[in-house]
Amino acid sequence: MNNTHPVSKPRRQILAQALFHPRALAVTLESDPRWGYPAALIILTTVVLDLLALPLFLRALPQMAPSGLSPEMVAELVERSRILKPTQILLSPFGLLAKWAITAFLLRLMATLMNRPVHFRKLLALVVYANVVHLLETVTKNLLLWSGYVATGAIDLNPPVGVDALVHPSGVVGSTLLRYANPFEVWFLAVLIRGVASLAGTTSVRGTAIVLPTWGFWLAADLALALVREILTRQLGI
């Protein structure tokens, strides 16, 4: 008795589909919803880039510290960061995995509400592959960080790659919103929308209706976190 199995495509070919042909990616994920390769690529590259940028972070930390801190407090802050920041970087993969799983769960929930249920594993694989776009954004920002440091000695740990390069709002809400207004985020949404639409067997309009509420959830969470940080800073009086 002969058992036929679908021939797996090379992982690099599937990565290319994720970036440029999300509908073809969705077709691949129907029979091969594995996501270990892109997850490892994203996690390892992100951790390595963050560790390489760690010396710049520590060097810029005194200038980033809230005004009003004494030199002793700033020195203590830097010393604690030398210990805590590497640990935070090494633990960050768990945060990424949790975010991808929550995103896939929310997408599945929205698709089910629209009577277009999709298997969770396929959505999770799609989310991970779509995040290769965010990996490209991370690489671009690190290139800008290091090129700016080499050229001018200035350290911008979050260099702008979108509208925030042209507009500089003073409020935390405006700056957070503008961080999302960049070509990589549009690219990510396009991949996710077209991929979800194909997996759900529906139109791009309905795919957008499934994806945007989930994307809006993370935007709202980012805004809330930024506001909490600002409020705590003001209450501490620093």
Protein backbone atom coordinates (compact mmCIF):
# COMPACT_ATOMS: atom_id res chain seq x y z
CA MET A 1 0.00 0.00 0.00
CA ASN A 2 1.50 3.33 -1.11
CA ASN A 3 0.94 6.41 0.98
CA THR A 4 1.42 9.65 -0.87
CA HIS A 5 2.41 12.76 1.01
CA PRO A 6 2.58 16.31 -0.29
CA VAL A 7 6.12 17.27 -1.23
CA SER A 8 7.38 19.98 1.11
CA LYS A 9 8.65 23.11 -0.57
CA PRO A 10 12.01 24.57 0.44
CA ARG A 11 11.62 26.88 3.43
CA ARG A 12 13.25 29.76 1.55
CA GLN A 13 10.69 29.42 -1.21
CA ILE A 14 7.89 29.64 1.35
CA LEU A 15 9.55 32.73 2.86
CA ALA A 16 9.46 34.35 -0.57
CA GLN A 17 5.77 33.49 -0.80
CA ALA A 18 5.19 35.12 2.59
CA LEU A 19 6.77 38.35 1.42
CA PHE A 20 5.44 38.58 -2.11
CA HIS A 21 2.69 35.99 -2.72
CA PRO A 22 0.55 35.59 0.42
CA ARG A 23 -2.19 33.72 -1.42
CA ALA A 24 0.35 31.17 -2.64
CA LEU A 25 1.62 30.98 0.95
CA ALA A 26 -1.91 30.20 2.14
CA VAL A 27 -2.17 27.38 -0.40
CA THR A 28 1.13 25.96 0.89
CA LEU A 29 -0.02 26.22 4.51
CA GLU A 30 -3.17 24.26 3.73
CA SER A 31 -1.04 21.12 3.41
CA ASP A 32 2.13 22.16 5.25
CA PRO A 33 1.33 24.47 8.20
CA ARG A 34 4.72 24.14 9.84
CA TRP A 35 6.15 27.35 11.25
CA GLY A 36 9.30 26.32 13.10
CA TYR A 37 11.73 27.61 10.47
CA PRO A 38 10.43 31.20 10.23
CA ALA A 39 9.97 31.33 14.01
CA ALA A 40 13.60 30.30 14.58
CA LEU A 41 14.80 32.77 11.94
CA ILE A 42 12.88 35.66 13.50
CA ILE A 43 13.80 34.82 17.09
CA LEU A 44 17.50 34.17 16.53
CA THR A 45 18.01 37.22 14.31
CA THR A 46 16.13 39.50 16.71
CA VAL A 47 18.04 38.25 19.77
CA VAL A 48 21.43 38.59 18.03
CA LEU A 49 20.64 42.13 16.81
CA ASP A 50 19.43 43.18 20.27
CA LEU A 51 22.54 41.77 21.93
CA LEU A 52 24.78 43.54 19.41
CA ALA A 53 22.96 46.82 20.09
CA LEU A 54 23.16 46.38 23.86
CA PRO A 55 26.37 48.46 24.26
CA LEU A 56 24.71 51.35 22.41
CA PHE A 57 21.65 51.05 24.63
CA LEU A 58 23.76 51.24 27.78
CA ARG A 59 25.73 54.18 26.40
CA ALA A 60 22.53 56.08 25.55
CA LEU A 61 20.76 55.22 28.80
CA PRO A 62 22.02 58.25 30.82
CA GLN A 63 20.58 60.60 28.18
CA MET A 64 17.33 58.62 28.11
CA ALA A 65 16.89 58.70 31.88
CA PRO A 66 14.10 60.97 33.21
CA SER A 67 15.19 64.45 34.20
CA GLY A 68 15.68 65.06 37.92
CA LEU A 69 17.65 61.92 38.69
CA SER A 70 20.86 62.40 40.58
CA PRO A 71 24.15 61.15 39.06
CA GLU A 72 24.16 58.34 41.61
CA MET A 73 20.65 57.25 40.60
CA VAL A 74 21.58 57.34 36.92
CA ALA A 75 24.66 55.23 37.60
CA GLU A 76 22.52 52.74 39.54
CA LEU A 77 20.02 52.63 36.67
CA VAL A 78 22.79 51.86 34.18
CA GLU A 79 24.26 49.17 36.43
CA ARG A 80 20.91 47.46 36.90
CA SER A 81 20.30 47.60 33.15
CA ARG A 82 23.60 45.81 32.53
CA ILE A 83 22.09 42.84 34.35
CA LEU A 84 18.40 43.09 33.52
CA LYS A 85 18.54 44.07 29.84
CA PRO A 86 20.40 40.93 28.62
CA THR A 87 17.96 38.79 30.60
CA GLN A 88 15.04 40.66 29.01
CA ILE A 89 16.52 40.08 25.55
CA LEU A 90 17.03 36.37 26.16
CA LEU A 91 13.47 35.99 27.47
CA SER A 92 11.93 37.99 24.60
CA PRO A 93 11.32 34.87 22.43
CA PHE A 94 8.65 33.75 24.92
CA GLY A 95 6.90 37.09 24.46
CA LEU A 96 7.01 36.72 20.69
CA LEU A 97 5.60 33.19 20.81
CA ALA A 98 2.80 34.32 23.12
CA LYS A 99 1.95 37.27 20.88
CA TRP A 100 1.83 35.08 17.77
CA ALA A 101 -0.42 32.56 19.52
CA ILE A 102 -2.78 35.26 20.80
CA THR A 103 -2.91 36.85 17.34
CA ALA A 104 -3.79 33.51 15.73
CA PHE A 105 -6.45 32.90 18.39
CA LEU A 106 -8.04 36.32 17.78
CA LEU A 107 -7.97 35.79 14.03
CA ARG A 108 -9.64 32.41 14.46
CA LEU A 109 -12.27 34.00 16.71
CA MET A 110 -13.02 36.76 14.18
CA ALA A 111 -13.14 34.28 11.30
CA THR A 112 -15.53 32.05 13.23
CA LEU A 113 -17.76 35.01 14.05
CA MET A 114 -17.93 35.71 10.32
CA ASN A 115 -18.84 32.06 9.68
CA ARG A 116 -15.47 31.42 8.02
CA PRO A 117 -13.64 29.21 10.56
CA VAL A 118 -9.99 28.45 9.91
CA HIS A 119 -7.81 25.90 11.70
CA PHE A 120 -5.72 27.52 14.45
CA ARG A 121 -2.46 25.90 13.34
CA LYS A 122 -2.79 27.30 9.81
CA LEU A 123 -3.46 30.79 11.17
CA LEU A 124 -0.52 30.50 13.54
CA ALA A 125 1.77 29.53 10.67
CA LEU A 126 0.46 32.44 8.61
CA VAL A 127 1.04 34.89 11.48
CA VAL A 128 4.61 33.68 11.98
CA TYR A 129 5.44 33.89 8.28
CA ALA A 130 3.84 37.35 8.04
CA ASN A 131 6.10 38.51 10.87
CA VAL A 132 9.10 38.02 8.58
CA VAL A 133 8.08 41.49 7.35
CA HIS A 134 8.55 42.81 10.89
CA LEU A 135 11.93 41.08 10.95
CA LEU A 136 12.92 43.11 7.87
CA GLU A 137 11.79 46.23 9.73
CA THR A 138 13.98 45.28 12.69
CA VAL A 139 16.98 44.70 10.42
CA THR A 140 16.40 48.06 8.70
CA LYS A 141 16.19 49.90 12.03
CA ASN A 142 19.40 48.27 13.23
CA LEU A 143 21.17 49.28 10.02
CA LEU A 144 19.97 52.86 10.54
CA LEU A 145 21.01 52.73 14.20
CA TRP A 146 24.56 51.63 13.45
CA SER A 147 25.04 53.79 10.34
CA GLY A 148 23.87 56.85 12.29
CA TYR A 149 26.22 56.02 15.15
CA VAL A 150 29.22 55.47 12.87
CA ALA A 151 28.51 58.62 10.85
CA THR A 152 27.64 61.08 13.61
CA GLY A 153 28.12 59.39 16.96
CA ALA A 154 24.41 59.89 17.69
CA ILE A 155 22.42 56.97 19.10
CA ASP A 156 18.78 56.65 18.06
CA LEU A 157 17.58 53.33 19.43
CA ASN A 158 14.29 53.52 17.51
CA PRO A 159 15.11 55.23 14.20
CA PRO A 160 12.03 56.25 12.19
CA VAL A 161 11.17 54.30 9.06
CA GLY A 162 7.82 55.87 8.18
CA VAL A 163 5.79 59.01 8.74
CA ASP A 164 7.55 59.56 12.07
CA ALA A 165 10.64 60.52 10.06
CA LEU A 166 8.77 63.63 8.86
CA VAL A 167 6.40 64.42 11.75
CA HIS A 168 7.47 64.60 15.39
CA PRO A 169 4.43 64.83 17.70
CA SER A 170 5.05 65.75 21.31
CA GLY A 171 2.39 63.48 22.84
CA VAL A 172 2.87 59.80 23.51
CA VAL A 173 -0.35 58.89 21.66
CA GLY A 174 0.68 60.68 18.48
CA SER A 175 4.20 59.24 18.52
CA THR A 176 2.87 55.72 19.06
CA LEU A 177 0.36 56.01 16.24
CA LEU A 178 2.96 57.38 13.84
CA ARG A 179 5.28 54.47 14.62
CA TYR A 180 2.65 52.23 13.05
CA ALA A 181 2.38 54.46 9.96
CA ASN A 182 5.24 52.94 8.01
CA PRO A 183 5.59 50.81 4.86
CA PHE A 184 6.55 47.68 6.78
CA GLU A 185 3.29 47.77 8.77
CA VAL A 186 1.28 48.23 5.57
CA TRP A 187 3.19 45.32 4.01
CA PHE A 188 2.54 43.14 7.08
CA LEU A 189 -1.19 43.91 6.99
CA ALA A 190 -1.37 43.18 3.26
CA VAL A 191 0.26 39.76 3.76
CA LEU A 192 -2.01 38.93 6.67
CA ILE A 193 -5.20 40.11 4.97
CA ARG A 194 -4.60 38.27 1.72
CA GLY A 195 -3.42 35.17 3.54
CA VAL A 196 -6.41 35.08 5.88
CA ALA A 197 -8.82 35.70 3.00
CA SER A 198 -7.35 32.75 1.11
CA LEU A 199 -7.38 30.40 4.12
CA ALA A 200 -10.96 31.40 4.92
CA GLY A 201 -12.05 31.10 1.30
CA THR A 202 -13.43 34.61 1.23
CA THR A 203 -12.81 38.02 -0.28
CA SER A 204 -10.10 40.50 0.65
CA VAL A 205 -12.80 42.79 2.07
CA ARG A 206 -13.88 40.12 4.54
CA GLY A 207 -10.25 39.26 5.15
CA THR A 208 -9.72 42.88 6.12
CA ALA A 209 -12.71 42.70 8.48
CA ILE A 210 -11.09 39.69 10.16
CA VAL A 211 -7.59 41.13 10.42
CA LEU A 212 -8.12 44.79 11.34
CA PRO A 213 -9.83 44.20 14.72
CA THR A 214 -6.96 41.91 15.74
CA TRP A 215 -4.37 44.43 14.59
CA GLY A 216 -6.32 47.16 16.39
CA PHE A 217 -6.16 45.13 19.60
CA TRP A 218 -2.34 45.25 19.60
CA LEU A 219 -2.34 48.92 18.66
CA ALA A 220 -4.65 49.69 21.59
CA ALA A 221 -2.46 47.61 23.90
CA ASP A 222 0.63 49.52 22.74
CA LEU A 223 -1.12 52.84 23.30
CA ALA A 224 -2.30 51.80 26.76
CA LEU A 225 1.20 50.70 27.75
CA ALA A 226 2.71 53.97 26.54
CA LEU A 227 0.10 55.98 28.49
CA VAL A 228 0.69 53.97 31.66
CA ARG A 229 4.43 54.57 31.39
CA GLU A 230 3.86 58.31 30.93
CA ILE A 231 1.46 58.51 33.89
CA LEU A 232 3.80 56.59 36.17
CA THR A 233 6.68 58.85 35.19
CA ARG A 234 4.67 61.95 36.03
CA GLN A 235 3.45 60.53 39.33
CA LEU A 236 7.01 59.71 40.35
CA GLY A 237 7.83 63.34 39.73
CA ILE A 238 10.84 62.70 37.60
